[in-house]
């Protein structure tokens, strides 16, 4: 239960999904997998629609979500964590610049 509810559970699920995708892409399932990730997906709002392959939607949403989480983690570190003290934050800030 701890694995599913903690941070490790999410990591384990991501690793499992990546492993399954790699196996599918490099096996006899390759044709099905390529057809699945390149299948068109449409989103329609107020009479206009946007159609992109599933792969593009996943990439765009995943990148937006990733950078949102990175920003939130940085804010937490600057407010409460190890980067909240200027002396401790100096080396990571210089490295980032």
Protein backbone atom coordinates (compact mmCIF):
# COMPACT_ATOMS: atom_id res chain seq x y z
CA UNK A 1 0.00 0.00 0.00
CA UNK A 2 2.86 2.39 0.78
CA UNK A 3 4.28 1.86 -2.70
CA UNK A 4 1.05 2.92 -4.38
CA UNK A 5 0.44 5.98 -2.20
CA UNK A 6 3.95 7.43 -2.01
CA UNK A 7 6.34 9.02 -4.46
CA UNK A 8 7.87 5.64 -5.22
CA UNK A 9 4.57 4.37 -6.58
CA UNK A 10 4.44 7.06 -9.23
CA UNK A 11 8.04 6.38 -10.17
CA UNK A 12 7.40 2.65 -10.38
CA UNK A 13 4.34 3.21 -12.57
CA UNK A 14 6.31 5.50 -14.91
CA UNK A 15 9.16 2.97 -15.19
CA UNK A 16 6.71 0.15 -15.87
CA UNK A 17 4.89 2.18 -18.54
CA UNK A 18 8.19 3.15 -20.20
CA UNK A 19 9.36 -0.47 -20.20
CA UNK A 20 6.07 -1.65 -21.71
CA UNK A 21 6.24 1.06 -24.41
CA UNK A 22 9.83 0.11 -25.29
CA UNK A 23 8.92 -3.56 -25.51
CA UNK A 24 5.87 -2.83 -27.67
CA UNK A 25 7.81 -0.49 -29.97
CA UNK A 26 10.58 -3.04 -30.54
CA UNK A 27 8.57 -6.24 -30.87
CA UNK A 28 5.92 -7.74 -33.12
CA UNK A 29 3.51 -5.19 -31.62
CA UNK A 30 5.41 -2.37 -33.31
CA UNK A 31 2.79 -1.77 -36.02
CA UNK A 32 -0.03 -1.60 -33.48
CA UNK A 33 2.02 0.65 -31.20
CA UNK A 34 2.93 3.06 -34.01
CA UNK A 35 -0.69 3.19 -35.13
CA UNK A 36 -1.81 3.88 -31.58
CA UNK A 37 0.59 6.74 -30.85
CA UNK A 38 0.00 8.35 -34.25
CA UNK A 39 -3.80 8.06 -34.06
CA UNK A 40 -5.45 11.45 -34.52
CA UNK A 41 -7.13 12.92 -31.44
CA UNK A 42 -9.47 15.89 -31.77
CA UNK A 43 -10.59 18.41 -29.20
CA UNK A 44 -13.50 20.61 -30.24
CA UNK A 45 -14.64 23.76 -28.47
CA UNK A 46 -17.17 26.32 -29.65
CA UNK A 47 -17.29 25.03 -33.21
CA UNK A 48 -13.55 24.84 -33.83
CA UNK A 49 -11.47 21.70 -33.47
CA UNK A 50 -7.80 20.91 -33.07
CA UNK A 51 -6.62 17.55 -34.37
CA UNK A 52 -3.17 16.26 -33.48
CA UNK A 53 -1.65 12.79 -33.11
CA UNK A 54 -1.89 11.26 -29.64
CA UNK A 55 1.90 11.50 -29.38
CA UNK A 56 1.79 15.30 -29.75
CA UNK A 57 -0.91 15.69 -27.10
CA UNK A 58 1.02 13.53 -24.65
CA UNK A 59 4.28 15.40 -25.27
CA UNK A 60 2.70 18.83 -24.91
CA UNK A 61 0.73 17.98 -21.78
CA UNK A 62 3.60 16.07 -20.19
CA UNK A 63 6.03 18.93 -20.74
CA UNK A 64 3.62 21.49 -19.32
CA UNK A 65 2.95 19.30 -16.29
CA UNK A 66 6.67 18.61 -15.82
CA UNK A 67 7.62 22.29 -15.79
CA UNK A 68 4.71 23.09 -13.47
CA UNK A 69 6.03 20.52 -10.99
CA UNK A 70 9.60 21.78 -11.35
CA UNK A 71 8.44 25.33 -10.67
CA UNK A 72 6.46 24.25 -7.62
CA UNK A 73 9.41 22.26 -6.25
CA UNK A 74 11.74 25.23 -6.74
CA UNK A 75 9.31 27.55 -4.99
CA UNK A 76 9.06 25.13 -2.07
CA UNK A 77 12.85 24.90 -1.81
CA UNK A 78 13.24 28.70 -1.94
CA UNK A 79 10.54 29.25 0.68
CA UNK A 80 11.05 26.38 3.13
CA UNK A 81 13.88 24.16 1.96
CA UNK A 82 17.63 24.17 1.58
CA UNK A 83 17.59 27.15 -0.79
CA UNK A 84 15.83 29.43 1.71
CA UNK A 85 19.16 30.56 3.16
CA UNK A 86 21.22 32.77 0.83
CA UNK A 87 24.55 31.16 1.75
CA UNK A 88 23.24 27.67 1.00
CA UNK A 89 21.54 28.81 -2.20
CA UNK A 90 24.56 30.60 -3.68
CA UNK A 91 26.28 27.58 -5.28
CA UNK A 92 23.11 26.13 -6.93
CA UNK A 93 22.15 29.62 -8.19
CA UNK A 94 25.61 30.21 -9.69
CA UNK A 95 25.52 26.77 -11.30
CA UNK A 96 22.10 27.50 -12.79
CA UNK A 97 23.32 30.79 -14.24
